[in-house]
N, C-alpha and C. Protein backbone atom coordinates (compact mmCIF):
# COMPACT_ATOMS: atom_id res chain seq x y z
N MET A 1 -0.56 8.08 13.17
CA MET A 1 0.64 8.89 13.05
C MET A 1 1.63 8.20 12.10
N ILE A 2 2.28 8.99 11.24
CA ILE A 2 3.26 8.46 10.30
C ILE A 2 4.59 9.18 10.49
N THR A 3 5.67 8.42 10.57
CA THR A 3 7.01 9.02 10.58
C THR A 3 7.80 8.49 9.40
N ILE A 4 8.73 9.31 8.93
CA ILE A 4 9.72 8.85 7.96
C ILE A 4 10.78 8.10 8.73
N HIS A 5 11.02 6.85 8.35
CA HIS A 5 11.90 5.97 9.10
C HIS A 5 13.19 5.75 8.32
N THR A 6 14.30 6.15 8.91
CA THR A 6 15.58 6.02 8.22
C THR A 6 16.59 5.29 9.09
N PRO A 7 17.34 4.34 8.52
CA PRO A 7 18.34 3.61 9.30
C PRO A 7 19.64 4.40 9.39
N THR A 8 20.53 3.96 10.23
CA THR A 8 21.87 4.54 10.29
C THR A 8 22.84 3.53 10.88
N ASN A 9 24.09 3.59 10.43
CA ASN A 9 25.12 2.75 11.05
C ASN A 9 25.94 3.54 12.04
N GLU A 10 25.66 4.84 12.14
CA GLU A 10 26.34 5.69 13.11
C GLU A 10 25.40 6.83 13.48
N LEU A 11 24.76 6.69 14.63
CA LEU A 11 23.71 7.62 15.03
C LEU A 11 24.20 9.05 15.07
N SER A 12 25.42 9.27 15.53
CA SER A 12 25.94 10.64 15.65
C SER A 12 26.01 11.33 14.30
N LYS A 13 26.35 10.59 13.24
CA LYS A 13 26.41 11.18 11.90
C LYS A 13 25.02 11.58 11.41
N SER A 14 24.03 10.74 11.68
CA SER A 14 22.67 11.06 11.26
C SER A 14 22.13 12.25 12.04
N ILE A 15 22.42 12.31 13.33
CA ILE A 15 21.99 13.46 14.13
C ILE A 15 22.64 14.74 13.60
N ALA A 16 23.93 14.66 13.26
CA ALA A 16 24.62 15.83 12.72
C ALA A 16 24.02 16.26 11.38
N PHE A 17 23.68 15.28 10.52
CA PHE A 17 23.11 15.58 9.21
C PHE A 17 21.81 16.36 9.35
N TYR A 18 20.89 15.88 10.17
CA TYR A 18 19.59 16.54 10.31
C TYR A 18 19.72 17.85 11.09
N SER A 19 20.66 17.92 12.00
CA SER A 19 20.90 19.18 12.72
C SER A 19 21.45 20.23 11.76
N ASP A 20 22.36 19.83 10.87
CA ASP A 20 22.92 20.77 9.89
C ASP A 20 21.85 21.31 8.95
N LEU A 21 20.82 20.49 8.70
CA LEU A 21 19.70 20.93 7.85
C LEU A 21 18.62 21.66 8.62
N ASN A 22 18.91 21.94 9.89
CA ASN A 22 18.04 22.74 10.75
C ASN A 22 16.73 22.06 11.12
N TYR A 23 16.71 20.71 11.12
CA TYR A 23 15.58 20.00 11.71
C TYR A 23 15.71 20.09 13.22
N GLU A 24 14.59 20.08 13.90
CA GLU A 24 14.58 20.20 15.35
C GLU A 24 14.66 18.83 16.01
N LEU A 25 15.63 18.64 16.88
CA LEU A 25 15.77 17.38 17.61
C LEU A 25 14.72 17.32 18.72
N VAL A 26 13.83 16.33 18.62
CA VAL A 26 12.79 16.15 19.61
C VAL A 26 13.26 15.23 20.72
N SER A 27 13.90 14.12 20.34
CA SER A 27 14.47 13.20 21.32
C SER A 27 15.69 12.53 20.71
N ALA A 28 16.71 12.28 21.52
CA ALA A 28 17.96 11.72 21.02
C ALA A 28 17.96 10.20 21.00
N SER A 29 16.98 9.57 21.66
CA SER A 29 16.93 8.11 21.68
C SER A 29 15.53 7.64 22.05
N ASN A 30 15.26 6.39 21.67
CA ASN A 30 14.03 5.66 22.05
C ASN A 30 12.71 6.37 21.74
N PRO A 31 12.43 6.76 20.51
CA PRO A 31 13.33 6.76 19.36
C PRO A 31 14.07 8.09 19.21
N CYS A 32 15.09 8.10 18.33
CA CYS A 32 15.73 9.35 17.95
C CYS A 32 14.80 10.02 16.95
N LEU A 33 14.33 11.22 17.28
CA LEU A 33 13.26 11.83 16.49
C LEU A 33 13.58 13.29 16.20
N PHE A 34 13.47 13.65 14.90
CA PHE A 34 13.58 15.04 14.47
C PHE A 34 12.24 15.45 13.87
N LYS A 35 12.04 16.77 13.76
CA LYS A 35 10.82 17.26 13.12
C LYS A 35 11.08 18.60 12.47
N ASP A 36 10.21 18.90 11.49
CA ASP A 36 10.09 20.27 11.01
C ASP A 36 8.63 20.65 11.14
N ALA A 37 8.16 21.58 10.34
CA ALA A 37 6.80 22.08 10.53
C ALA A 37 5.73 21.01 10.31
N ASN A 38 5.98 20.03 9.43
CA ASN A 38 4.93 19.05 9.14
C ASN A 38 5.43 17.63 8.96
N THR A 39 6.65 17.33 9.44
CA THR A 39 7.23 16.02 9.22
C THR A 39 7.98 15.53 10.45
N PHE A 40 7.78 14.27 10.81
CA PHE A 40 8.59 13.63 11.82
C PHE A 40 9.54 12.65 11.14
N ILE A 41 10.82 12.68 11.51
CA ILE A 41 11.83 11.78 10.97
C ILE A 41 12.40 10.96 12.11
N GLU A 42 12.26 9.66 12.00
CA GLU A 42 12.70 8.73 13.04
C GLU A 42 13.98 8.02 12.58
N ILE A 43 15.07 8.19 13.32
CA ILE A 43 16.35 7.59 12.96
C ILE A 43 16.56 6.34 13.80
N ASN A 44 16.81 5.22 13.13
CA ASN A 44 16.90 3.94 13.83
C ASN A 44 18.28 3.32 13.63
N PRO A 45 19.08 3.20 14.71
CA PRO A 45 20.43 2.62 14.60
C PRO A 45 20.45 1.09 14.62
N ASP A 46 19.29 0.46 14.76
CA ASP A 46 19.25 -1.00 14.75
C ASP A 46 19.78 -1.53 13.43
N ARG A 47 20.63 -2.54 13.46
CA ARG A 47 21.28 -3.03 12.25
C ARG A 47 20.31 -3.69 11.28
N TYR A 48 19.10 -3.99 11.73
CA TYR A 48 18.09 -4.58 10.85
C TYR A 48 17.07 -3.55 10.35
N ALA A 49 17.27 -2.30 10.71
CA ALA A 49 16.34 -1.24 10.29
C ALA A 49 16.47 -0.99 8.79
N ARG A 50 15.37 -0.61 8.16
CA ARG A 50 15.35 -0.34 6.73
C ARG A 50 14.58 0.96 6.46
N ALA A 51 14.94 1.62 5.36
CA ALA A 51 14.32 2.90 5.00
C ALA A 51 12.87 2.71 4.59
N GLY A 52 12.02 3.60 5.06
CA GLY A 52 10.61 3.52 4.70
C GLY A 52 9.76 4.42 5.57
N LEU A 53 8.60 3.94 5.94
CA LEU A 53 7.67 4.67 6.78
C LEU A 53 7.31 3.85 8.00
N LYS A 54 7.01 4.54 9.11
CA LYS A 54 6.44 3.90 10.27
C LYS A 54 5.06 4.48 10.49
N MET A 55 4.08 3.59 10.62
CA MET A 55 2.71 4.02 10.84
C MET A 55 2.24 3.45 12.17
N TYR A 56 1.70 4.32 13.02
CA TYR A 56 1.31 3.94 14.37
C TYR A 56 -0.21 3.87 14.50
N LYS A 57 -0.67 2.78 15.13
CA LYS A 57 -2.10 2.58 15.33
C LYS A 57 -2.28 1.55 16.45
N ASN A 58 -3.41 1.59 17.14
CA ASN A 58 -3.63 0.64 18.23
C ASN A 58 -3.65 -0.80 17.73
N SER A 59 -4.25 -1.04 16.58
CA SER A 59 -4.32 -2.39 16.02
C SER A 59 -4.34 -2.34 14.50
N TRP A 60 -3.55 -3.23 13.89
CA TRP A 60 -3.52 -3.36 12.43
C TRP A 60 -4.11 -4.70 11.99
N ALA A 61 -4.83 -5.35 12.85
CA ALA A 61 -5.30 -6.71 12.58
C ALA A 61 -6.09 -6.82 11.28
N SER A 62 -7.04 -5.92 11.07
CA SER A 62 -7.87 -6.03 9.87
C SER A 62 -7.07 -5.75 8.61
N GLU A 63 -6.16 -4.78 8.66
CA GLU A 63 -5.34 -4.45 7.50
C GLU A 63 -4.37 -5.57 7.17
N ILE A 64 -3.77 -6.17 8.19
CA ILE A 64 -2.80 -7.25 7.96
C ILE A 64 -3.45 -8.41 7.22
N GLN A 65 -4.65 -8.74 7.60
CA GLN A 65 -5.35 -9.85 6.95
C GLN A 65 -5.51 -9.60 5.45
N LYS A 66 -5.76 -8.37 5.06
CA LYS A 66 -5.93 -8.04 3.65
C LYS A 66 -4.59 -7.92 2.93
N VAL A 67 -3.60 -7.31 3.59
CA VAL A 67 -2.29 -7.10 2.96
C VAL A 67 -1.59 -8.43 2.68
N GLU A 68 -1.78 -9.40 3.56
CA GLU A 68 -1.12 -10.70 3.40
C GLU A 68 -1.51 -11.40 2.10
N ALA A 69 -2.63 -11.01 1.52
CA ALA A 69 -3.04 -11.58 0.24
C ALA A 69 -2.27 -10.98 -0.93
N LEU A 70 -1.55 -9.87 -0.67
CA LEU A 70 -0.84 -9.15 -1.73
C LEU A 70 0.68 -9.21 -1.60
N THR A 71 1.19 -9.28 -0.39
CA THR A 71 2.63 -9.28 -0.19
C THR A 71 2.97 -9.94 1.14
N LYS A 72 4.21 -10.34 1.29
CA LYS A 72 4.67 -10.99 2.51
C LYS A 72 4.69 -10.00 3.67
N VAL A 73 4.22 -10.42 4.83
CA VAL A 73 4.22 -9.60 6.03
C VAL A 73 5.09 -10.27 7.08
N TYR A 74 5.95 -9.49 7.72
CA TYR A 74 6.86 -10.00 8.73
C TYR A 74 6.48 -9.45 10.11
N LYS A 75 6.60 -10.29 11.12
CA LYS A 75 6.32 -9.84 12.49
C LYS A 75 7.58 -9.20 13.06
N VAL A 76 7.42 -8.02 13.63
CA VAL A 76 8.52 -7.33 14.31
C VAL A 76 8.02 -6.90 15.69
N ALA A 77 8.92 -6.34 16.49
CA ALA A 77 8.53 -5.89 17.82
C ALA A 77 7.41 -4.87 17.72
N ASN A 78 6.35 -5.11 18.44
CA ASN A 78 5.19 -4.19 18.52
C ASN A 78 4.43 -4.03 17.21
N GLY A 79 4.61 -4.96 16.27
CA GLY A 79 3.83 -4.81 15.06
C GLY A 79 4.31 -5.66 13.89
N TYR A 80 4.28 -5.06 12.70
CA TYR A 80 4.55 -5.81 11.47
C TYR A 80 5.41 -4.97 10.53
N MET A 81 5.96 -5.65 9.52
CA MET A 81 6.79 -5.00 8.53
C MET A 81 6.48 -5.62 7.17
N LEU A 82 6.33 -4.78 6.15
CA LEU A 82 6.05 -5.28 4.81
C LEU A 82 6.69 -4.36 3.78
N ASN A 83 6.88 -4.90 2.58
CA ASN A 83 7.43 -4.11 1.48
C ASN A 83 6.32 -3.85 0.48
N GLU A 84 6.17 -2.60 0.05
CA GLU A 84 5.08 -2.26 -0.87
C GLU A 84 5.45 -2.54 -2.33
N LEU A 85 6.47 -3.38 -2.52
CA LEU A 85 6.88 -3.95 -3.81
C LEU A 85 7.86 -3.09 -4.60
N ASN A 86 8.27 -1.92 -4.04
CA ASN A 86 9.21 -1.06 -4.75
C ASN A 86 10.40 -0.63 -3.90
N GLY A 87 10.67 -1.37 -2.85
CA GLY A 87 11.84 -1.08 -2.03
C GLY A 87 11.60 -0.18 -0.85
N CYS A 88 10.35 0.19 -0.61
CA CYS A 88 10.02 1.01 0.55
C CYS A 88 9.39 0.12 1.62
N TRP A 89 10.03 0.01 2.77
CA TRP A 89 9.49 -0.80 3.84
C TRP A 89 8.48 0.00 4.65
N ILE A 90 7.40 -0.65 5.02
CA ILE A 90 6.36 -0.03 5.83
C ILE A 90 6.27 -0.79 7.15
N TYR A 91 6.47 -0.07 8.24
CA TYR A 91 6.33 -0.65 9.59
C TYR A 91 4.96 -0.27 10.13
N LEU A 92 4.20 -1.25 10.54
CA LEU A 92 2.88 -1.02 11.14
C LEU A 92 2.99 -1.33 12.62
N ILE A 93 3.08 -0.29 13.42
CA ILE A 93 3.37 -0.42 14.84
C ILE A 93 2.10 -0.31 15.66
N GLU A 94 1.92 -1.27 16.56
CA GLU A 94 0.72 -1.32 17.39
C GLU A 94 1.01 -0.82 18.80
N ASN A 95 1.19 0.46 18.91
CA ASN A 95 1.24 1.10 20.22
C ASN A 95 1.03 2.59 20.03
N VAL A 96 0.83 3.31 21.11
CA VAL A 96 0.59 4.74 21.04
C VAL A 96 1.83 5.45 21.55
N PHE A 97 2.55 6.08 20.63
CA PHE A 97 3.73 6.86 21.01
C PHE A 97 3.31 8.30 21.25
N ASP A 98 3.87 8.90 22.27
CA ASP A 98 3.47 10.26 22.65
C ASP A 98 4.22 11.28 21.80
N PHE A 99 3.75 11.48 20.57
CA PHE A 99 4.37 12.46 19.69
C PHE A 99 3.99 13.87 20.13
N PRO A 100 4.91 14.82 19.97
CA PRO A 100 4.57 16.22 20.29
C PRO A 100 3.41 16.69 19.41
N THR A 101 2.45 17.36 20.00
CA THR A 101 1.29 17.81 19.24
C THR A 101 1.58 19.10 18.48
N ASN A 102 2.55 19.89 18.95
CA ASN A 102 2.89 21.14 18.28
C ASN A 102 4.08 20.92 17.36
N GLN A 103 3.83 20.97 16.04
CA GLN A 103 4.90 20.75 15.09
C GLN A 103 5.44 22.05 14.50
N SER A 104 5.10 23.18 15.08
CA SER A 104 5.64 24.44 14.57
C SER A 104 7.12 24.51 14.88
N ASN A 105 7.89 25.05 13.96
CA ASN A 105 9.33 25.19 14.13
C ASN A 105 9.68 26.63 13.82
N SER A 106 10.26 27.33 14.81
CA SER A 106 10.55 28.74 14.63
C SER A 106 11.53 28.98 13.49
N SER A 107 12.42 28.02 13.23
CA SER A 107 13.36 28.11 12.12
C SER A 107 13.12 26.92 11.19
N PRO A 108 12.46 27.14 10.05
CA PRO A 108 12.13 26.02 9.16
C PRO A 108 13.37 25.25 8.72
N ALA A 109 13.18 23.96 8.49
CA ALA A 109 14.29 23.13 8.02
C ALA A 109 14.73 23.62 6.64
N ILE A 110 16.02 23.52 6.36
CA ILE A 110 16.60 24.08 5.14
C ILE A 110 16.01 23.49 3.85
N PRO A 111 15.72 22.17 3.76
CA PRO A 111 15.24 21.63 2.47
C PRO A 111 13.98 22.26 1.93
N GLY A 112 13.20 22.92 2.76
CA GLY A 112 12.06 23.67 2.26
C GLY A 112 10.73 22.96 2.43
N VAL A 113 9.88 23.08 1.41
CA VAL A 113 8.49 22.63 1.50
C VAL A 113 8.39 21.14 1.17
N PHE A 114 8.15 20.34 2.20
CA PHE A 114 8.01 18.89 2.01
C PHE A 114 6.64 18.58 1.41
N VAL A 115 6.66 17.85 0.28
CA VAL A 115 5.39 17.53 -0.39
C VAL A 115 5.06 16.03 -0.35
N GLY A 116 5.99 15.22 0.15
CA GLY A 116 5.67 13.81 0.29
C GLY A 116 6.81 12.87 -0.07
N LEU A 117 6.49 11.61 -0.01
CA LEU A 117 7.42 10.54 -0.33
C LEU A 117 7.30 10.21 -1.81
N SER A 118 8.44 10.00 -2.48
CA SER A 118 8.44 9.64 -3.90
C SER A 118 9.01 8.24 -4.08
N LEU A 119 8.35 7.46 -4.96
CA LEU A 119 8.78 6.10 -5.25
C LEU A 119 8.70 5.85 -6.75
N GLU A 120 9.75 5.28 -7.30
CA GLU A 120 9.69 4.80 -8.67
C GLU A 120 9.07 3.41 -8.61
N CYS A 121 8.01 3.22 -9.38
CA CYS A 121 7.14 2.07 -9.20
C CYS A 121 7.13 1.19 -10.45
N THR A 122 7.44 -0.08 -10.28
CA THR A 122 7.49 -0.99 -11.42
C THR A 122 6.10 -1.40 -11.91
N ASP A 123 5.13 -1.45 -11.00
CA ASP A 123 3.78 -1.85 -11.37
C ASP A 123 2.78 -1.22 -10.41
N MET A 124 2.22 -0.10 -10.81
CA MET A 124 1.29 0.62 -9.94
C MET A 124 0.05 -0.20 -9.59
N GLU A 125 -0.40 -1.00 -10.52
CA GLU A 125 -1.62 -1.76 -10.28
C GLU A 125 -1.43 -2.82 -9.20
N LEU A 126 -0.18 -3.18 -8.92
CA LEU A 126 0.10 -4.09 -7.81
C LEU A 126 0.34 -3.33 -6.52
N SER A 127 0.98 -2.17 -6.63
CA SER A 127 1.37 -1.40 -5.46
C SER A 127 0.23 -0.59 -4.84
N VAL A 128 -0.56 0.06 -5.67
CA VAL A 128 -1.61 0.95 -5.16
C VAL A 128 -2.58 0.25 -4.20
N PRO A 129 -3.04 -0.98 -4.49
CA PRO A 129 -3.96 -1.62 -3.54
C PRO A 129 -3.39 -1.78 -2.14
N ILE A 130 -2.07 -1.94 -2.01
CA ILE A 130 -1.47 -2.05 -0.68
C ILE A 130 -1.63 -0.73 0.07
N TRP A 131 -1.35 0.38 -0.62
CA TRP A 131 -1.52 1.68 0.03
C TRP A 131 -2.99 1.95 0.37
N GLU A 132 -3.89 1.50 -0.48
CA GLU A 132 -5.31 1.72 -0.22
C GLU A 132 -5.77 0.95 1.01
N ILE A 133 -5.26 -0.25 1.21
CA ILE A 133 -5.60 -1.01 2.42
C ILE A 133 -5.16 -0.25 3.68
N LEU A 134 -4.05 0.49 3.54
CA LEU A 134 -3.50 1.24 4.67
C LEU A 134 -4.13 2.64 4.77
N ASP A 135 -5.27 2.82 4.12
CA ASP A 135 -6.09 4.02 4.24
C ASP A 135 -5.53 5.22 3.48
N PHE A 136 -4.83 4.96 2.37
CA PHE A 136 -4.42 6.03 1.46
C PHE A 136 -5.42 6.09 0.31
N GLU A 137 -5.68 7.30 -0.18
CA GLU A 137 -6.59 7.49 -1.30
C GLU A 137 -5.89 8.26 -2.41
N THR A 138 -6.22 7.94 -3.66
CA THR A 138 -5.65 8.66 -4.80
C THR A 138 -6.19 10.08 -4.85
N VAL A 139 -5.28 11.05 -4.91
CA VAL A 139 -5.69 12.46 -4.98
C VAL A 139 -5.22 13.12 -6.27
N GLN A 140 -4.35 12.43 -7.01
CA GLN A 140 -3.87 13.00 -8.26
C GLN A 140 -3.36 11.89 -9.17
N GLY A 141 -3.60 12.02 -10.48
CA GLY A 141 -3.10 11.05 -11.44
C GLY A 141 -3.94 9.79 -11.51
N ASP A 142 -3.51 8.86 -12.39
CA ASP A 142 -4.19 7.58 -12.53
C ASP A 142 -3.22 6.59 -13.18
N PHE A 143 -3.66 5.35 -13.33
CA PHE A 143 -2.78 4.32 -13.88
C PHE A 143 -2.30 4.67 -15.28
N SER A 144 -3.17 5.23 -16.11
CA SER A 144 -2.81 5.51 -17.50
C SER A 144 -1.77 6.62 -17.63
N SER A 145 -1.74 7.55 -16.68
CA SER A 145 -0.80 8.66 -16.76
C SER A 145 0.60 8.27 -16.32
N GLY A 146 0.72 7.16 -15.60
CA GLY A 146 2.02 6.75 -15.10
C GLY A 146 2.50 7.54 -13.91
N TYR A 147 1.60 8.27 -13.30
CA TYR A 147 1.93 9.07 -12.11
C TYR A 147 0.71 9.14 -11.21
N MET A 148 0.90 8.79 -9.95
CA MET A 148 -0.21 8.84 -9.00
C MET A 148 0.28 9.34 -7.66
N THR A 149 -0.54 10.18 -7.04
CA THR A 149 -0.27 10.62 -5.68
C THR A 149 -1.40 10.14 -4.79
N LEU A 150 -1.03 9.50 -3.69
CA LEU A 150 -2.01 9.02 -2.72
C LEU A 150 -1.76 9.73 -1.39
N ALA A 151 -2.83 9.98 -0.64
CA ALA A 151 -2.72 10.69 0.62
C ALA A 151 -3.41 9.92 1.73
N SER A 152 -2.81 9.96 2.91
CA SER A 152 -3.42 9.34 4.08
C SER A 152 -4.48 10.26 4.64
N ALA A 153 -5.24 9.77 5.60
CA ALA A 153 -6.29 10.58 6.21
C ALA A 153 -5.73 11.83 6.86
N GLU A 154 -4.48 11.75 7.35
CA GLU A 154 -3.87 12.92 8.01
C GLU A 154 -3.09 13.79 7.03
N GLY A 155 -3.12 13.44 5.73
CA GLY A 155 -2.53 14.30 4.72
C GLY A 155 -1.13 13.95 4.26
N PHE A 156 -0.56 12.85 4.76
CA PHE A 156 0.77 12.44 4.31
C PHE A 156 0.65 11.89 2.89
N ARG A 157 1.52 12.36 1.98
CA ARG A 157 1.40 12.00 0.57
C ARG A 157 2.53 11.08 0.10
N VAL A 158 2.15 10.15 -0.77
CA VAL A 158 3.09 9.25 -1.43
C VAL A 158 2.85 9.34 -2.93
N SER A 159 3.91 9.64 -3.69
CA SER A 159 3.79 9.74 -5.14
C SER A 159 4.50 8.55 -5.80
N LEU A 160 3.80 7.91 -6.72
CA LEU A 160 4.33 6.76 -7.46
C LEU A 160 4.55 7.18 -8.91
N MET A 161 5.72 6.87 -9.45
CA MET A 161 6.05 7.20 -10.83
C MET A 161 6.52 5.96 -11.57
N LYS A 162 6.08 5.80 -12.80
CA LYS A 162 6.52 4.65 -13.58
C LYS A 162 7.99 4.83 -13.94
N PRO A 163 8.71 3.74 -14.25
CA PRO A 163 10.11 3.83 -14.64
C PRO A 163 10.30 4.69 -15.88
N LEU A 164 11.52 5.22 -16.03
CA LEU A 164 11.92 6.02 -17.19
C LEU A 164 11.14 7.33 -17.27
N THR A 165 10.74 7.85 -16.12
CA THR A 165 10.04 9.13 -16.06
C THR A 165 10.96 10.26 -15.63
N CYS A 166 11.86 9.98 -14.69
CA CYS A 166 12.67 11.03 -14.06
C CYS A 166 14.13 10.95 -14.54
N PRO A 167 14.65 12.00 -15.20
CA PRO A 167 16.01 11.99 -15.74
C PRO A 167 17.07 12.39 -14.71
N HIS A 168 17.07 11.71 -13.58
CA HIS A 168 18.05 11.96 -12.53
C HIS A 168 18.15 10.72 -11.66
N LEU A 169 19.13 10.69 -10.76
CA LEU A 169 19.22 9.57 -9.83
C LEU A 169 17.92 9.44 -9.05
N PHE A 170 17.56 8.20 -8.78
CA PHE A 170 16.30 7.97 -8.06
C PHE A 170 16.55 6.92 -6.99
N PHE A 171 16.21 7.26 -5.76
CA PHE A 171 16.38 6.34 -4.64
C PHE A 171 15.02 6.06 -4.03
N ASN A 172 14.69 4.79 -3.90
CA ASN A 172 13.45 4.40 -3.24
C ASN A 172 13.75 4.02 -1.79
N PRO A 173 13.18 4.75 -0.82
CA PRO A 173 12.30 5.91 -0.97
C PRO A 173 13.09 7.22 -0.94
N SER A 174 12.44 8.30 -1.39
CA SER A 174 13.01 9.65 -1.31
C SER A 174 11.94 10.62 -0.85
N MET A 175 12.37 11.63 -0.09
CA MET A 175 11.50 12.74 0.26
C MET A 175 11.59 13.78 -0.84
N THR A 176 10.47 14.41 -1.20
CA THR A 176 10.46 15.43 -2.22
C THR A 176 10.07 16.78 -1.63
N PHE A 177 10.82 17.80 -2.05
CA PHE A 177 10.58 19.18 -1.60
C PHE A 177 10.43 20.05 -2.84
N PHE A 178 9.35 20.83 -2.90
CA PHE A 178 9.12 21.75 -4.01
C PHE A 178 9.19 23.18 -3.48
N ASN A 179 10.16 23.94 -3.97
CA ASN A 179 10.39 25.28 -3.45
C ASN A 179 10.22 26.40 -4.47
N GLY A 180 9.76 26.07 -5.68
CA GLY A 180 9.52 27.09 -6.68
C GLY A 180 10.74 27.96 -6.92
N LYS A 181 10.52 29.27 -7.06
CA LYS A 181 11.60 30.21 -7.35
C LYS A 181 12.59 30.34 -6.20
N ASP A 182 12.23 29.85 -5.00
CA ASP A 182 13.14 29.93 -3.86
C ASP A 182 14.16 28.80 -3.82
N ASN A 183 14.08 27.87 -4.79
CA ASN A 183 14.94 26.69 -4.69
C ASN A 183 16.43 27.03 -4.80
N LEU A 184 16.78 28.04 -5.58
CA LEU A 184 18.19 28.44 -5.68
C LEU A 184 18.71 28.91 -4.32
N LYS A 185 17.87 29.61 -3.57
CA LYS A 185 18.26 30.04 -2.23
C LYS A 185 18.43 28.83 -1.31
N VAL A 186 17.53 27.86 -1.44
CA VAL A 186 17.61 26.64 -0.63
C VAL A 186 18.90 25.89 -0.94
N ILE A 187 19.24 25.77 -2.22
CA ILE A 187 20.47 25.09 -2.62
C ILE A 187 21.69 25.79 -2.03
N GLU A 188 21.67 27.11 -2.05
CA GLU A 188 22.79 27.87 -1.49
C GLU A 188 22.91 27.63 0.02
N GLU A 189 21.78 27.55 0.71
CA GLU A 189 21.82 27.27 2.15
C GLU A 189 22.37 25.87 2.43
N ILE A 190 22.03 24.91 1.58
CA ILE A 190 22.56 23.56 1.75
C ILE A 190 24.07 23.55 1.54
N ARG A 191 24.55 24.32 0.56
CA ARG A 191 26.00 24.43 0.36
C ARG A 191 26.67 25.06 1.57
N LYS A 192 26.06 26.12 2.12
CA LYS A 192 26.62 26.80 3.29
C LYS A 192 26.67 25.87 4.50
N ALA A 193 25.70 24.97 4.58
CA ALA A 193 25.66 24.02 5.70
C ALA A 193 26.67 22.89 5.52
N ASP A 194 27.36 22.88 4.37
CA ASP A 194 28.38 21.88 4.05
C ASP A 194 27.81 20.46 4.01
N VAL A 195 26.56 20.37 3.52
CA VAL A 195 25.92 19.07 3.32
C VAL A 195 26.30 18.56 1.93
N LYS A 196 26.77 17.33 1.86
CA LYS A 196 27.22 16.77 0.58
C LYS A 196 26.05 16.66 -0.39
N ILE A 197 26.28 17.12 -1.62
CA ILE A 197 25.28 17.03 -2.67
C ILE A 197 25.55 15.79 -3.52
N THR A 198 24.56 14.93 -3.65
CA THR A 198 24.71 13.68 -4.40
C THR A 198 24.63 13.92 -5.90
N GLU A 199 23.72 14.80 -6.33
CA GLU A 199 23.61 15.13 -7.75
C GLU A 199 23.17 16.58 -7.93
N GLU A 200 23.87 17.29 -8.82
CA GLU A 200 23.47 18.62 -9.26
C GLU A 200 22.75 18.46 -10.59
N ILE A 201 21.52 18.97 -10.67
CA ILE A 201 20.68 18.73 -11.85
C ILE A 201 20.52 20.01 -12.66
N THR A 202 20.87 19.93 -13.95
CA THR A 202 20.70 21.05 -14.87
C THR A 202 19.72 20.70 -16.00
N HIS A 203 19.22 19.48 -15.98
CA HIS A 203 18.44 18.94 -17.09
C HIS A 203 17.24 19.81 -17.47
N PHE A 204 16.62 20.45 -16.48
CA PHE A 204 15.39 21.19 -16.73
C PHE A 204 15.64 22.68 -16.97
N ASN A 205 16.92 23.08 -17.01
CA ASN A 205 17.25 24.49 -17.15
C ASN A 205 17.99 24.73 -18.47
N THR A 206 17.45 25.59 -19.31
CA THR A 206 18.03 25.82 -20.64
C THR A 206 19.37 26.54 -20.57
N GLU A 207 19.67 27.18 -19.44
CA GLU A 207 20.93 27.91 -19.28
C GLU A 207 21.98 27.07 -18.56
N GLY A 208 21.66 25.83 -18.26
CA GLY A 208 22.61 24.96 -17.60
C GLY A 208 22.86 25.28 -16.14
N ILE A 209 21.91 25.98 -15.52
CA ILE A 209 22.03 26.34 -14.10
C ILE A 209 21.61 25.16 -13.23
N VAL A 210 22.35 24.94 -12.15
CA VAL A 210 21.97 23.91 -11.18
C VAL A 210 20.80 24.45 -10.37
N ASP A 211 19.59 24.08 -10.76
CA ASP A 211 18.41 24.60 -10.07
C ASP A 211 17.65 23.51 -9.32
N ASN A 212 18.14 22.28 -9.36
CA ASN A 212 17.60 21.17 -8.58
C ASN A 212 18.77 20.33 -8.10
N ILE A 213 18.66 19.77 -6.91
CA ILE A 213 19.72 18.90 -6.40
C ILE A 213 19.12 17.70 -5.66
N ILE A 214 19.95 16.70 -5.46
CA ILE A 214 19.59 15.54 -4.66
C ILE A 214 20.65 15.36 -3.59
N ILE A 215 20.22 15.14 -2.37
CA ILE A 215 21.13 14.78 -1.28
C ILE A 215 20.64 13.48 -0.66
N ARG A 216 21.48 12.87 0.18
CA ARG A 216 21.08 11.63 0.87
C ARG A 216 21.55 11.69 2.32
N ASP A 217 20.73 11.15 3.21
CA ASP A 217 21.15 11.08 4.60
C ASP A 217 22.08 9.88 4.80
N PRO A 218 22.73 9.75 5.95
CA PRO A 218 23.67 8.65 6.16
C PRO A 218 23.07 7.26 6.03
N GLY A 219 21.74 7.14 6.14
CA GLY A 219 21.09 5.85 5.98
C GLY A 219 20.68 5.55 4.55
N GLY A 220 20.91 6.50 3.64
CA GLY A 220 20.60 6.28 2.23
C GLY A 220 19.29 6.88 1.76
N TYR A 221 18.53 7.47 2.66
CA TYR A 221 17.26 8.10 2.28
C TYR A 221 17.53 9.27 1.34
N GLY A 222 16.82 9.35 0.21
CA GLY A 222 17.02 10.43 -0.74
C GLY A 222 16.21 11.67 -0.40
N PHE A 223 16.75 12.82 -0.79
CA PHE A 223 16.05 14.10 -0.69
C PHE A 223 16.07 14.74 -2.07
N PHE A 224 14.90 14.92 -2.67
CA PHE A 224 14.80 15.63 -3.93
C PHE A 224 14.50 17.10 -3.60
N ILE A 225 15.47 17.97 -3.80
CA ILE A 225 15.31 19.39 -3.52
C ILE A 225 15.05 20.08 -4.86
N PHE A 226 13.79 20.22 -5.23
CA PHE A 226 13.39 20.64 -6.57
C PHE A 226 12.63 21.97 -6.54
N ASN A 227 12.61 22.62 -7.72
CA ASN A 227 11.84 23.86 -7.81
C ASN A 227 10.36 23.59 -8.06
N ASP A 228 10.04 22.48 -8.76
CA ASP A 228 8.64 22.09 -8.92
C ASP A 228 8.58 20.66 -9.43
C-alpha cells in the first residue's frame, strides 16, 4: 500500500484544505487520512515529518540491504526513511495498516484525475535504480528523453523530469492531475472553494488564458492542476 505523505504544522488547516477540495476524511488521527477515488493522503503533524510517500509492507529487509548501497537510510518508528536524491522522502513502514478497501467516492475530489507523483530530477541514472529496488518499473520514457514514468505493482505512478523542462514553479514532490478540456471547470471549482492558487499558468495558451494552475497544501506539497 502507498500513501501520499504530507507534513503539517497545524493539523486543522490541513484538514480544512483537503475538505475544501472535497477529499473524503477517512480518519482524523492515527493517522489522519483522506482519500479520493484512487489516492490516499496521509497528513502527519509530527514536527519531523517530511513530504513524500509512505509504503507499507510486512518486511523491507531485502530492499533496505540494496538501497543502502545507493543512498543513506534512516531508522524510524516501524520502519525506515530514505531520500530518493531529489527531495522526496520515502518511508518504508513494516506493519499492516487496515486501509479501507473501497476507495469509491460519491463526490470526486475537485483537483480531478490524479496521474501520479512528479519530481524534477537532477540525475535519473542515480534515482531510477532506487525506485526499481522498491518494485517500480519504467512504463514510459527513457534516460535519453529526459522524462520517465515508473509504476508500482499496484499502479501508483512516479514521473521524473530533467531540469529546465517545465516552465512553471516546481515543488518536489508534487501531485499531478490531468483534466483535459475539463481543466477550466476544475480551476473554477478551486476558485469557488476559496483555495489559494500559488501560480496561474498561461504559458501553454496562445490567448493568454489561465488554463493550468498550481496550488500547495499547508505542508508544502504541490498540486499541478493541468489540462494535459
